[in-house]
Structure formats: C-alpha cells, structure tokens
Amino acid sequence: MERLDRAVAPDKETRVVLDNGSPHTAKHTKTWPAAHPRRHVRWIPPHASWLNQVELFFSAPTRRVLRYGDFASRDDLIEKLGAYVIGHNETTKPYRWTYEGTPLKAA
C-alpha cells in the first residue's frame, strides 16, 4: 500500500479492491485508508462466488499468454493479449448454472 501511495501522483485518487484474505484484514491494512484519504479501499463481501469467476477468467491469459510469453515490445504484448481475448470470445460457451438451491445431502 505504501508503494502504491508513492507511485501514484499526489493529485490522483486510487480505488483498491481487496478480498478478505488474512493479509488484507490485518489491523494495519484496515487503518491505513483513514491516514490516506485519496486512497479508497473496498473489501469484497465474504463468499463472493461471482468474483471467483472473474479471477478464473484473468488467470487463463496469465497461464496461456503471459507466464511463458516472449514479447519483443509492449505493442507485441498488447497484440498477443488481444489475439487471446478474440480467440476466447470466438470459442466461448454460456455458463450453465446447475445448482438447484437445495442443501447438499450428508454423505
């Protein structure tokens, strides 16, 4: 958080979204925003399953494009990420929700 504060120009505001993992719920992390009013911190609600889908989506290009990628330039990186997203959108299928809302049966 301190590095973020130093990196962003003093006249800019920043919005930060944190999950409820233990590093993000520590006392220092909870009190930090009060001392830095131009940094707006929001914690996602516990059990936000929709966020898991967002994390899954962004983990795919990380694994398939970024992790072992070789990029000649920034433009090359942007082009390869764009090609991945276009390819993903051409082959994507709608998500089919299967949960019926009934509690799981005990084993």
PDB file of N, CA and C in Angstrom:
ATOM      1  N   MET A   1       0.831  -1.183   0.000  1.00  0.00           N
ATOM      2  CA  MET A   1       0.000   0.000   0.000  1.00  0.00           C
ATOM      3  C   MET A   1       0.877   1.249   0.000  1.00  0.00           C
ATOM      4  N   GLU A   2       1.966   1.189   0.749  1.00  0.00           N
ATOM      5  CA  GLU A   2       2.864   2.347   0.776  1.00  0.00           C
ATOM      6  C   GLU A   2       3.502   2.568  -0.591  1.00  0.00           C
ATOM      7  N   ARG A   3       3.873   1.489  -1.268  1.00  0.00           N
ATOM      8  CA  ARG A   3       4.455   1.616  -2.607  1.00  0.00           C
ATOM      9  C   ARG A   3       3.434   2.219  -3.572  1.00  0.00           C
ATOM     10  N   LEU A   4       2.194   1.786  -3.465  1.00  0.00           N
ATOM     11  CA  LEU A   4       1.123   2.356  -4.282  1.00  0.00           C
ATOM     12  C   LEU A   4       0.995   3.851  -4.019  1.00  0.00           C
ATOM     13  N   ASP A   5       1.019   4.222  -2.764  1.00  0.00           N
ATOM     14  CA  ASP A   5       0.876   5.625  -2.400  1.00  0.00           C
ATOM     15  C   ASP A   5       2.006   6.477  -2.982  1.00  0.00           C
ATOM     16  N   ARG A   6       3.210   5.945  -2.970  1.00  0.00           N
ATOM     17  CA  ARG A   6       4.353   6.684  -3.528  1.00  0.00           C
ATOM     18  C   ARG A   6       4.317   6.733  -5.054  1.00  0.00           C
ATOM     19  N   ALA A   7       3.780   5.700  -5.687  1.00  0.00           N
ATOM     20  CA  ALA A   7       3.822   5.595  -7.146  1.00  0.00           C
ATOM     21  C   ALA A   7       2.778   6.454  -7.851  1.00  0.00           C
ATOM     22  N   VAL A   8       1.669   6.743  -7.189  1.00  0.00           N
ATOM     23  CA  VAL A   8       0.579   7.486  -7.823  1.00  0.00           C
ATOM     24  C   VAL A   8       0.741   8.973  -7.515  1.00  0.00           C
ATOM     25  N   ALA A   9       0.559   9.788  -8.544  1.00  0.00           N
ATOM     26  CA  ALA A   9       0.713  11.239  -8.393  1.00  0.00           C
ATOM     27  C   ALA A   9      -0.177  11.763  -7.265  1.00  0.00           C
ATOM     28  N   PRO A  10       0.308  12.776  -6.522  1.00  0.00           N
ATOM     29  CA  PRO A  10      -0.428  13.292  -5.358  1.00  0.00           C
ATOM     30  C   PRO A  10      -1.817  13.847  -5.689  1.00  0.00           C
ATOM     31  N   ASP A  11      -2.043  14.281  -6.920  1.00  0.00           N
ATOM     32  CA  ASP A  11      -3.348  14.843  -7.276  1.00  0.00           C
ATOM     33  C   ASP A  11      -4.339  13.783  -7.778  1.00  0.00           C
ATOM     34  N   LYS A  12      -3.943  12.515  -7.797  1.00  0.00           N
ATOM     35  CA  LYS A  12      -4.801  11.428  -8.285  1.00  0.00           C
ATOM     36  C   LYS A  12      -5.384  10.634  -7.128  1.00  0.00           C
ATOM     37  N   GLU A  13      -6.608  10.172  -7.325  1.00  0.00           N
ATOM     38  CA  GLU A  13      -7.226   9.268  -6.353  1.00  0.00           C
ATOM     39  C   GLU A  13      -7.092   7.844  -6.873  1.00  0.00           C
ATOM     40  N   THR A  14      -7.125   6.888  -5.967  1.00  0.00           N
ATOM     41  CA  THR A  14      -6.993   5.488  -6.332  1.00  0.00           C
ATOM     42  C   THR A  14      -8.072   4.684  -5.627  1.00  0.00           C
ATOM     43  N   ARG A  15      -8.639   3.729  -6.342  1.00  0.00           N
ATOM     44  CA  ARG A  15      -9.585   2.805  -5.754  1.00  0.00           C
ATOM     45  C   ARG A  15      -8.958   1.425  -5.743  1.00  0.00           C
ATOM     46  N   VAL A  16      -8.977   0.799  -4.576  1.00  0.00           N
ATOM     47  CA  VAL A  16      -8.359  -0.503  -4.386  1.00  0.00           C
ATOM     48  C   VAL A  16      -9.432  -1.456  -3.886  1.00  0.00           C
ATOM     49  N   VAL A  17      -9.521  -2.635  -4.513  1.00  0.00           N
ATOM     50  CA  VAL A  17     -10.469  -3.667  -4.080  1.00  0.00           C
ATOM     51  C   VAL A  17      -9.657  -4.818  -3.519  1.00  0.00           C
ATOM     52  N   LEU A  18      -9.958  -5.201  -2.285  1.00  0.00           N
ATOM     53  CA  LEU A  18      -9.244  -6.286  -1.611  1.00  0.00           C
ATOM     54  C   LEU A  18     -10.212  -7.398  -1.238  1.00  0.00           C
ATOM     55  N   ASP A  19      -9.708  -8.614  -1.280  1.00  0.00           N
ATOM     56  CA  ASP A  19     -10.539  -9.718  -0.805  1.00  0.00           C
ATOM     57  C   ASP A  19     -10.393  -9.813   0.712  1.00  0.00           C
ATOM     58  N   ASN A  20     -10.997 -10.825   1.286  1.00  0.00           N
ATOM     59  CA  ASN A  20     -10.981 -10.966   2.741  1.00  0.00           C
ATOM     60  C   ASN A  20      -9.906 -11.925   3.226  1.00  0.00           C
ATOM     61  N   GLY A  21      -8.850 -12.097   2.443  1.00  0.00           N
ATOM     62  CA  GLY A  21      -7.724 -12.922   2.870  1.00  0.00           C
ATOM     63  C   GLY A  21      -7.050 -12.302   4.078  1.00  0.00           C
ATOM     64  N   SER A  22      -6.372 -13.125   4.862  1.00  0.00           N
ATOM     65  CA  SER A  22      -5.790 -12.636   6.111  1.00  0.00           C
ATOM     66  C   SER A  22      -4.840 -11.455   5.941  1.00  0.00           C
ATOM     67  N   PRO A  23      -4.030 -11.359   4.865  1.00  0.00           N
ATOM     68  CA  PRO A  23      -3.172 -10.171   4.750  1.00  0.00           C
ATOM     69  C   PRO A  23      -3.974  -8.881   4.571  1.00  0.00           C
ATOM     70  N   HIS A  24      -5.158  -9.002   4.013  1.00  0.00           N
ATOM     71  CA  HIS A  24      -5.973  -7.816   3.729  1.00  0.00           C
ATOM     72  C   HIS A  24      -6.884  -7.421   4.879  1.00  0.00           C
ATOM     73  N   THR A  25      -6.955  -8.243   5.906  1.00  0.00           N
ATOM     74  CA  THR A  25      -7.818  -7.914   7.038  1.00  0.00           C
ATOM     75  C   THR A  25      -7.013  -7.600   8.293  1.00  0.00           C
ATOM     76  N   ALA A  26      -5.704  -7.492   8.149  1.00  0.00           N
ATOM     77  CA  ALA A  26      -4.854  -7.153   9.297  1.00  0.00           C
ATOM     78  C   ALA A  26      -5.178  -5.739   9.784  1.00  0.00           C
ATOM     79  N   LYS A  27      -4.904  -5.478  11.047  1.00  0.00           N
ATOM     80  CA  LYS A  27      -5.235  -4.188  11.655  1.00  0.00           C
ATOM     81  C   LYS A  27      -4.605  -3.022  10.888  1.00  0.00           C
ATOM     82  N   HIS A  28      -3.333  -3.166  10.501  1.00  0.00           N
ATOM     83  CA  HIS A  28      -2.655  -2.092   9.766  1.00  0.00           C
ATOM     84  C   HIS A  28      -3.351  -1.805   8.434  1.00  0.00           C
ATOM     85  N   THR A  29      -3.756  -2.864   7.734  1.00  0.00           N
ATOM     86  CA  THR A  29      -4.426  -2.685   6.450  1.00  0.00           C
ATOM     87  C   THR A  29      -5.786  -2.020   6.629  1.00  0.00           C
ATOM     88  N   LYS A  30      -6.484  -2.356   7.699  1.00  0.00           N
ATOM     89  CA  LYS A  30      -7.796  -1.756   7.952  1.00  0.00           C
ATOM     90  C   LYS A  30      -7.685  -0.282   8.341  1.00  0.00           C
ATOM     91  N   THR A  31      -6.616   0.116   9.024  1.00  0.00           N
ATOM     92  CA  THR A  31      -6.482   1.503   9.476  1.00  0.00           C
ATOM     93  C   THR A  31      -5.771   2.391   8.455  1.00  0.00           C
ATOM     94  N   TRP A  32      -5.064   1.816   7.499  1.00  0.00           N
ATOM     95  CA  TRP A  32      -4.297   2.574   6.521  1.00  0.00           C
ATOM     96  C   TRP A  32      -5.143   3.580   5.734  1.00  0.00           C
ATOM     97  N   PRO A  33      -6.337   3.221   5.241  1.00  0.00           N
ATOM     98  CA  PRO A  33      -7.119   4.172   4.444  1.00  0.00           C
ATOM     99  C   PRO A  33      -7.473   5.465   5.182  1.00  0.00           C
ATOM    100  N   ALA A  34      -7.657   5.412   6.480  1.00  0.00           N
ATOM    101  CA  ALA A  34      -8.004   6.621   7.231  1.00  0.00           C
ATOM    102  C   ALA A  34      -6.878   7.648   7.163  1.00  0.00           C
ATOM    103  N   ALA A  35      -5.642   7.191   7.095  1.00  0.00           N
ATOM    104  CA  ALA A  35      -4.493   8.096   7.007  1.00  0.00           C
ATOM    105  C   ALA A  35      -4.183   8.517   5.572  1.00  0.00           C
ATOM    106  N   HIS A  36      -4.865   7.917   4.601  1.00  0.00           N
ATOM    107  CA  HIS A  36      -4.626   8.201   3.180  1.00  0.00           C
ATOM    108  C   HIS A  36      -5.973   8.438   2.488  1.00  0.00           C
ATOM    109  N   PRO A  37      -6.577   9.601   2.682  1.00  0.00           N
ATOM    110  CA  PRO A  37      -7.934   9.831   2.204  1.00  0.00           C
ATOM    111  C   PRO A  37      -8.119   9.794   0.681  1.00  0.00           C
ATOM    112  N   ARG A  38      -7.059   9.916  -0.095  1.00  0.00           N
ATOM    113  CA  ARG A  38      -7.245   9.840  -1.547  1.00  0.00           C
ATOM    114  C   ARG A  38      -7.162   8.405  -2.067  1.00  0.00           C
ATOM    115  N   ARG A  39      -6.974   7.474  -1.164  1.00  0.00           N
ATOM    116  CA  ARG A  39      -6.996   6.051  -1.499  1.00  0.00           C
ATOM    117  C   ARG A  39      -8.299   5.463  -0.965  1.00  0.00           C
ATOM    118  N   HIS A  40      -9.119   4.996  -1.829  1.00  0.00           N
ATOM    119  CA  HIS A  40     -10.432   4.459  -1.454  1.00  0.00           C
ATOM    120  C   HIS A  40     -10.352   2.938  -1.502  1.00  0.00           C
ATOM    121  N   VAL A  41     -10.421   2.316  -0.346  1.00  0.00           N
ATOM    122  CA  VAL A  41     -10.295   0.863  -0.251  1.00  0.00           C
ATOM    123  C   VAL A  41     -11.658   0.250   0.014  1.00  0.00           C
ATOM    124  N   ARG A  42     -11.966  -0.807  -0.725  1.00  0.00           N
ATOM    125  CA  ARG A  42     -13.202  -1.557  -0.539  1.00  0.00           C
ATOM    126  C   ARG A  42     -12.845  -3.025  -0.382  1.00  0.00           C
ATOM    127  N   TRP A  43     -13.496  -3.678   0.560  1.00  0.00           N
ATOM    128  CA  TRP A  43     -13.315  -5.110   0.742  1.00  0.00           C
ATOM    129  C   TRP A  43     -14.531  -5.811   0.160  1.00  0.00           C
ATOM    130  N   ILE A  44     -14.290  -6.873  -0.596  1.00  0.00           N
ATOM    131  CA  ILE A  44     -15.412  -7.618  -1.167  1.00  0.00           C
ATOM    132  C   ILE A  44     -16.088  -8.402  -0.044  1.00  0.00           C
ATOM    133  N   PRO A  45     -17.358  -8.685  -0.210  1.00  0.00           N
ATOM    134  CA  PRO A  45     -18.043  -9.455   0.831  1.00  0.00           C
ATOM    135  C   PRO A  45     -17.523 -10.890   0.879  1.00  0.00           C
ATOM    136  N   PRO A  46     -17.573 -11.496   2.060  1.00  0.00           N
ATOM    137  CA  PRO A  46     -17.172 -12.903   2.148  1.00  0.00           C
ATOM    138  C   PRO A  46     -18.077 -13.754   1.263  1.00  0.00           C
ATOM    139  N   HIS A  47     -17.528 -14.800   0.735  1.00  0.00           N
ATOM    140  CA  HIS A  47     -18.289 -15.758  -0.085  1.00  0.00           C
ATOM    141  C   HIS A  47     -18.821 -15.115  -1.362  1.00  0.00           C
ATOM    142  N   ALA A  48     -18.052 -14.239  -1.980  1.00  0.00           N
ATOM    143  CA  ALA A  48     -18.462 -13.600  -3.234  1.00  0.00           C
ATOM    144  C   ALA A  48     -18.077 -14.516  -4.392  1.00  0.00           C
ATOM    145  N   SER A  49     -18.903 -15.509  -4.646  1.00  0.00           N
ATOM    146  CA  SER A  49     -18.560 -16.520  -5.644  1.00  0.00           C
ATOM    147  C   SER A  49     -18.431 -15.937  -7.048  1.00  0.00           C
ATOM    148  N   TRP A  50     -19.129 -14.849  -7.340  1.00  0.00           N
ATOM    149  CA  TRP A  50     -19.011 -14.237  -8.670  1.00  0.00           C
ATOM    150  C   TRP A  50     -17.584 -13.765  -8.915  1.00  0.00           C
ATOM    151  N   LEU A  51     -16.892 -13.359  -7.836  1.00  0.00           N
ATOM    152  CA  LEU A  51     -15.529 -12.891  -8.007  1.00  0.00           C
ATOM    153  C   LEU A  51     -14.605 -14.041  -8.385  1.00  0.00           C
ATOM    154  N   ASN A  52     -14.910 -15.239  -7.938  1.00  0.00           N
ATOM    155  CA  ASN A  52     -14.112 -16.389  -8.331  1.00  0.00           C
ATOM    156  C   ASN A  52     -14.115 -16.553  -9.842  1.00  0.00           C
ATOM    157  N   GLN A  53     -15.253 -16.301 -10.475  1.00  0.00           N
ATOM    158  CA  GLN A  53     -15.333 -16.411 -11.932  1.00  0.00           C
ATOM    159  C   GLN A  53     -14.455 -15.361 -12.610  1.00  0.00           C
ATOM    160  N   VAL A  54     -14.417 -14.160 -12.056  1.00  0.00           N
ATOM    161  CA  VAL A  54     -13.568 -13.104 -12.599  1.00  0.00           C
ATOM    162  C   VAL A  54     -12.099 -13.505 -12.470  1.00  0.00           C
ATOM    163  N   GLU A  55     -11.726 -14.025 -11.298  1.00  0.00           N
ATOM    164  CA  GLU A  55     -10.348 -14.464 -11.092  1.00  0.00           C
ATOM    165  C   GLU A  55      -9.988 -15.602 -12.042  1.00  0.00           C
ATOM    166  N   LEU A  56     -10.918 -16.520 -12.269  1.00  0.00           N
ATOM    167  CA  LEU A  56     -10.662 -17.612 -13.201  1.00  0.00           C
ATOM    168  C   LEU A  56     -10.439 -17.079 -14.617  1.00  0.00           C
ATOM    169  N   PHE A  57     -11.254 -16.099 -15.029  1.00  0.00           N
ATOM    170  CA  PHE A  57     -11.100 -15.549 -16.372  1.00  0.00           C
ATOM    171  C   PHE A  57      -9.716 -14.935 -16.551  1.00  0.00           C
ATOM    172  N   PHE A  58      -9.263 -14.148 -15.581  1.00  0.00           N
ATOM    173  CA  PHE A  58      -7.980 -13.479 -15.728  1.00  0.00           C
ATOM    174  C   PHE A  58      -6.796 -14.416 -15.496  1.00  0.00           C
ATOM    175  N   SER A  59      -7.016 -15.556 -14.840  1.00  0.00           N
ATOM    176  CA  SER A  59      -5.909 -16.495 -14.659  1.00  0.00           C
ATOM    177  C   SER A  59      -5.573 -17.206 -15.968  1.00  0.00           C
ATOM    178  N   ALA A  60      -6.564 -17.363 -16.852  1.00  0.00           N
ATOM    179  CA  ALA A  60      -6.311 -18.068 -18.114  1.00  0.00           C
ATOM    180  C   ALA A  60      -5.299 -17.335 -18.996  1.00  0.00           C
ATOM    181  N   PRO A  61      -5.458 -16.036 -19.282  1.00  0.00           N
ATOM    182  CA  PRO A  61      -4.414 -15.386 -20.095  1.00  0.00           C
ATOM    183  C   PRO A  61      -3.071 -15.313 -19.371  1.00  0.00           C
ATOM    184  N   THR A  62      -3.105 -15.291 -18.058  1.00  0.00           N
ATOM    185  CA  THR A  62      -1.837 -15.310 -17.318  1.00  0.00           C
ATOM    186  C   THR A  62      -1.093 -16.610 -17.614  1.00  0.00           C
ATOM    187  N   ARG A  63      -1.825 -17.737 -17.547  1.00  0.00           N
ATOM    188  CA  ARG A  63      -1.200 -19.040 -17.803  1.00  0.00           C
ATOM    189  C   ARG A  63      -0.857 -19.236 -19.276  1.00  0.00           C
ATOM    190  N   ARG A  64      -1.730 -18.811 -20.173  1.00  0.00           N
ATOM    191  CA  ARG A  64      -1.590 -19.140 -21.590  1.00  0.00           C
ATOM    192  C   ARG A  64      -0.810 -18.123 -22.409  1.00  0.00           C
ATOM    193  N   VAL A  65      -0.726 -16.890 -21.933  1.00  0.00           N
ATOM    194  CA  VAL A  65      -0.048 -15.851 -22.711  1.00  0.00           C
ATOM    195  C   VAL A  65       1.141 -15.261 -21.965  1.00  0.00           C
ATOM    196  N   LEU A  66       0.929 -14.847 -20.736  1.00  0.00           N
ATOM    197  CA  LEU A  66       1.945 -14.060 -20.037  1.00  0.00           C
ATOM    198  C   LEU A  66       3.084 -14.867 -19.435  1.00  0.00           C
ATOM    199  N   ARG A  67       2.748 -15.958 -18.750  1.00  0.00           N
ATOM    200  CA  ARG A  67       3.743 -16.654 -17.927  1.00  0.00           C
ATOM    201  C   ARG A  67       4.986 -17.070 -18.709  1.00  0.00           C
ATOM    202  N   TYR A  68       4.814 -17.660 -19.859  1.00  0.00           N
ATOM    203  CA  TYR A  68       5.966 -18.135 -20.623  1.00  0.00           C
ATOM    204  C   TYR A  68       6.107 -17.381 -21.945  1.00  0.00           C
ATOM    205  N   GLY A  69       5.446 -16.244 -22.034  1.00  0.00           N
ATOM    206  CA  GLY A  69       5.475 -15.472 -23.269  1.00  0.00           C
ATOM    207  C   GLY A  69       6.814 -14.798 -23.509  1.00  0.00           C
ATOM    208  N   ASP A  70       7.087 -14.566 -24.770  1.00  0.00           N
ATOM    209  CA  ASP A  70       8.279 -13.839 -25.182  1.00  0.00           C
ATOM    210  C   ASP A  70       7.783 -12.665 -26.017  1.00  0.00           C
ATOM    211  N   PHE A  71       7.981 -11.462 -25.528  1.00  0.00           N
ATOM    212  CA  PHE A  71       7.414 -10.278 -26.161  1.00  0.00           C
ATOM    213  C   PHE A  71       8.525  -9.339 -26.600  1.00  0.00           C
ATOM    214  N   ALA A  72       8.509  -8.997 -27.864  1.00  0.00           N
ATOM    215  CA  ALA A  72       9.546  -8.126 -28.420  1.00  0.00           C
ATOM    216  C   ALA A  72       9.357  -6.678 -27.971  1.00  0.00           C
ATOM    217  N   SER A  73       8.128  -6.317 -27.646  1.00  0.00           N
ATOM    218  CA  SER A  73       7.840  -4.933 -27.263  1.00  0.00           C
ATOM    219  C   SER A  73       6.516  -4.891 -26.517  1.00  0.00           C
ATOM    220  N   ARG A  74       6.194  -3.722 -26.011  1.00  0.00           N
ATOM    221  CA  ARG A  74       4.899  -3.516 -25.346  1.00  0.00           C
ATOM    222  C   ARG A  74       3.762  -3.753 -26.333  1.00  0.00           C
ATOM    223  N   ASP A  75       3.940  -3.268 -27.560  1.00  0.00           N
ATOM    224  CA  ASP A  75       2.912  -3.467 -28.593  1.00  0.00           C
ATOM    225  C   ASP A  75       2.720  -4.946 -28.907  1.00  0.00           C
ATOM    226  N   ASP A  76       3.811  -5.713 -28.893  1.00  0.00           N
ATOM    227  CA  ASP A  76       3.717  -7.156 -29.123  1.00  0.00           C
ATOM    228  C   ASP A  76       2.908  -7.821 -28.016  1.00  0.00           C
ATOM    229  N   LEU A  77       3.156  -7.424 -26.772  1.00  0.00           N
ATOM    230  CA  LEU A  77       2.393  -7.944 -25.639  1.00  0.00           C
ATOM    231  C   LEU A  77       0.905  -7.627 -25.808  1.00  0.00           C
ATOM    232  N   ILE A  78       0.596  -6.384 -26.129  1.00  0.00           N
ATOM    233  CA  ILE A  78      -0.801  -5.975 -26.306  1.00  0.00           C
ATOM    234  C   ILE A  78      -1.445  -6.766 -27.438  1.00  0.00           C
ATOM    235  N   GLU A  79      -0.714  -6.959 -28.530  1.00  0.00           N
ATOM    236  CA  GLU A  79      -1.252  -7.711 -29.672  1.00  0.00           C
ATOM    237  C   GLU A  79      -1.547  -9.162 -29.297  1.00  0.00           C
ATOM    238  N   LYS A  80      -0.641  -9.785 -28.557  1.00  0.00           N
ATOM    239  CA  LYS A  80      -0.839 -11.194 -28.187  1.00  0.00           C
ATOM    240  C   LYS A  80      -1.974 -11.354 -27.175  1.00  0.00           C
ATOM    241  N   LEU A  81      -2.112 -10.426 -26.243  1.00  0.00           N
ATOM    242  CA  LEU A  81      -3.249 -10.478 -25.318  1.00  0.00           C
ATOM    243  C   LEU A  81      -4.562 -10.263 -26.059  1.00  0.00           C
ATOM    244  N   GLY A  82      -4.564  -9.308 -26.993  1.00  0.00           N
ATOM    245  CA  GLY A  82      -5.762  -9.057 -27.796  1.00  0.00           C
ATOM    246  C   GLY A  82      -6.159 -10.276 -28.614  1.00  0.00           C
ATOM    247  N   ALA A  83      -5.177 -10.940 -29.214  1.00  0.00           N
ATOM    248  CA  ALA A  83      -5.460 -12.151 -30.001  1.00  0.00           C
ATOM    249  C   ALA A  83      -6.035 -13.245 -29.116  1.00  0.00           C
ATOM    250  N   TYR A  84      -5.518 -13.371 -27.884  1.00  0.00           N
ATOM    251  CA  TYR A  84      -6.056 -14.370 -26.957  1.00  0.00           C
ATOM    252  C   TYR A  84      -7.524 -14.073 -26.644  1.00  0.00           C
ATOM    253  N   VAL A  85      -7.835 -12.817 -26.327  1.00  0.00           N
ATOM    254  CA  VAL A  85      -9.210 -12.446 -25.973  1.00  0.00           C
ATOM    255  C   VAL A  85     -10.147 -12.672 -27.155  1.00  0.00           C
ATOM    256  N   ILE A  86      -9.720 -12.303 -28.360  1.00  0.00           N
ATOM    257  CA  ILE A  86     -10.560 -12.521 -29.545  1.00  0.00           C
ATOM    258  C   ILE A  86     -10.803 -14.013 -29.756  1.00  0.00           C
ATOM    259  N   GLY A  87      -9.749 -14.811 -29.651  1.00  0.00           N
ATOM    260  CA  GLY A  87      -9.904 -16.264 -29.787  1.00  0.00           C
ATOM    261  C   GLY A  87     -10.812 -16.844 -28.722  1.00  0.00           C
ATOM    262  N   HIS A  88     -10.672 -16.364 -27.506  1.00  0.00           N
ATOM    263  CA  HIS A  88     -11.529 -16.829 -26.410  1.00  0.00           C
ATOM    264  C   HIS A  88     -12.984 -16.485 -26.696  1.00  0.00           C
ATOM    265  N   ASN A  89     -13.236 -15.277 -27.153  1.00  0.00           N
ATOM    266  CA  ASN A  89     -14.607 -14.849 -27.422  1.00  0.00           C
ATOM    267  C   ASN A  89     -15.236 -15.618 -28.581  1.00  0.00           C
ATOM    268  N   GLU A  90     -14.422 -16.065 -29.531  1.00  0.00           N
ATOM    269  CA  GLU A  90     -14.956 -16.820 -30.671  1.00  0.00           C
ATOM    270  C   GLU A  90     -15.332 -18.247 -30.291  1.00  0.00           C
ATOM    271  N   THR A  91     -14.740 -18.785 -29.249  1.00  0.00           N
ATOM    272  CA  THR A  91     -14.999 -20.181 -28.877  1.00  0.00           C
ATOM    273  C   THR A  91     -15.717 -20.329 -27.537  1.00  0.00           C
ATOM    274  N   THR A  92     -16.122 -19.233 -26.951  1.00  0.00           N
ATOM    275  CA  THR A  92     -16.733 -19.296 -25.625  1.00  0.00           C
ATOM    276  C   THR A  92     -18.146 -19.881 -25.672  1.00  0.00           C
ATOM    277  N   LYS A  93     -18.552 -20.442 -24.553  1.00  0.00           N
ATOM    278  CA  LYS A  93     -19.903 -21.000 -24.415  1.00  0.00           C
ATOM    279  C   LYS A  93     -20.540 -20.383 -23.176  1.00  0.00           C
ATOM    280  N   PRO A  94     -21.853 -20.230 -23.168  1.00  0.00           N
ATOM    281  CA  PRO A  94     -22.504 -19.684 -21.972  1.00  0.00           C
ATOM    282  C   PRO A  94     -22.325 -20.626 -20.781  1.00  0.00           C
ATOM    283  N   TYR A  95     -22.235 -20.031 -19.621  1.00  0.00           N
ATOM    284  CA  TYR A  95     -22.133 -20.812 -18.400  1.00  0.00           C
ATOM    285  C   TYR A  95     -23.515 -21.344 -18.051  1.00  0.00           C
ATOM    286  N   ARG A  96     -23.605 -22.612 -17.730  1.00  0.00           N
ATOM    287  CA  ARG A  96     -24.879 -23.217 -17.373  1.00  0.00           C
ATOM    288  C   ARG A  96     -24.902 -23.468 -15.881  1.00  0.00           C
ATOM    289  N   TRP A  97     -25.759 -22.740 -15.181  1.00  0.00           N
ATOM    290  CA  TRP A  97     -25.883 -22.867 -13.739  1.00  0.00           C
ATOM    291  C   TRP A  97     -26.622 -24.150 -13.424  1.00  0.00           C
ATOM    292  N   THR A  98     -26.061 -24.988 -12.535  1.00  0.00           N
ATOM    293  CA  THR A  98     -26.682 -26.279 -12.249  1.00  0.00           C
ATOM    294  C   THR A  98     -27.160 -26.409 -10.800  1.00  0.00           C
ATOM    295  N   TYR A  99     -26.805 -25.461  -9.959  1.00  0.00           N
ATOM    296  CA  TYR A  99     -27.216 -25.545  -8.553  1.00  0.00           C
ATOM    297  C   TYR A  99     -28.715 -25.288  -8.436  1.00  0.00           C
ATOM    298  N   GLU A 100     -29.413 -26.144  -7.728  1.00  0.00           N
ATOM    299  CA  GLU A 100     -30.861 -26.044  -7.616  1.00  0.00           C
ATOM    300  C   GLU A 100     -31.326 -25.312  -6.360  1.00  0.00           C
ATOM    301  N   GLY A 101     -30.395 -24.926  -5.505  1.00  0.00           N
ATOM    302  CA  GLY A 101     -30.768 -24.189  -4.306  1.00  0.00           C
ATOM    303  C   GLY A 101     -31.099 -25.078  -3.117  1.00  0.00           C
ATOM    304  N   THR A 102     -30.936 -26.372  -3.279  1.00  0.00           N
ATOM    305  CA  THR A 102     -31.209 -27.280  -2.159  1.00  0.00           C
ATOM    306  C   THR A 102     -29.889 -27.639  -1.485  1.00  0.00           C
ATOM    307  N   PRO A 103     -29.889 -27.795  -0.164  1.00  0.00           N
ATOM    308  CA  PRO A 103     -28.659 -28.152   0.540  1.00  0.00           C
ATOM    309  C   PRO A 103     -28.132 -29.496   0.079  1.00  0.00           C
ATOM    310  N   LEU A 104     -26.806 -29.649   0.130  1.00  0.00           N
ATOM    311  CA  LEU A 104     -26.204 -30.935  -0.226  1.00  0.00           C
ATOM    312  C   LEU A 104     -26.591 -31.988   0.801  1.00  0.00           C
ATOM    313  N   LYS A 105     -26.743 -33.205   0.335  1.00  0.00           N
ATOM    314  CA  LYS A 105     -27.080 -34.308   1.242  1.00  0.00           C
ATOM    315  C   LYS A 105     -25.831 -34.749   1.970  1.00  0.00           C
ATOM    316  N   ALA A 106     -26.011 -35.150   3.225  1.00  0.00           N
ATOM    317  CA  ALA A 106     -24.889 -35.648   4.022  1.00  0.00           C
ATOM    318  C   ALA A 106     -24.419 -36.964   3.438  1.00  0.00           C
ATOM    319  N   ALA A 107     -23.119 -37.176   3.439  1.00  0.00           N
ATOM    320  CA  ALA A 107     -22.557 -38.408   2.846  1.00  0.00           C
ATOM    321  C   ALA A 107     -22.819 -39.610   3.718  1.00  0.00           C
TER     322      ALA A 107
END
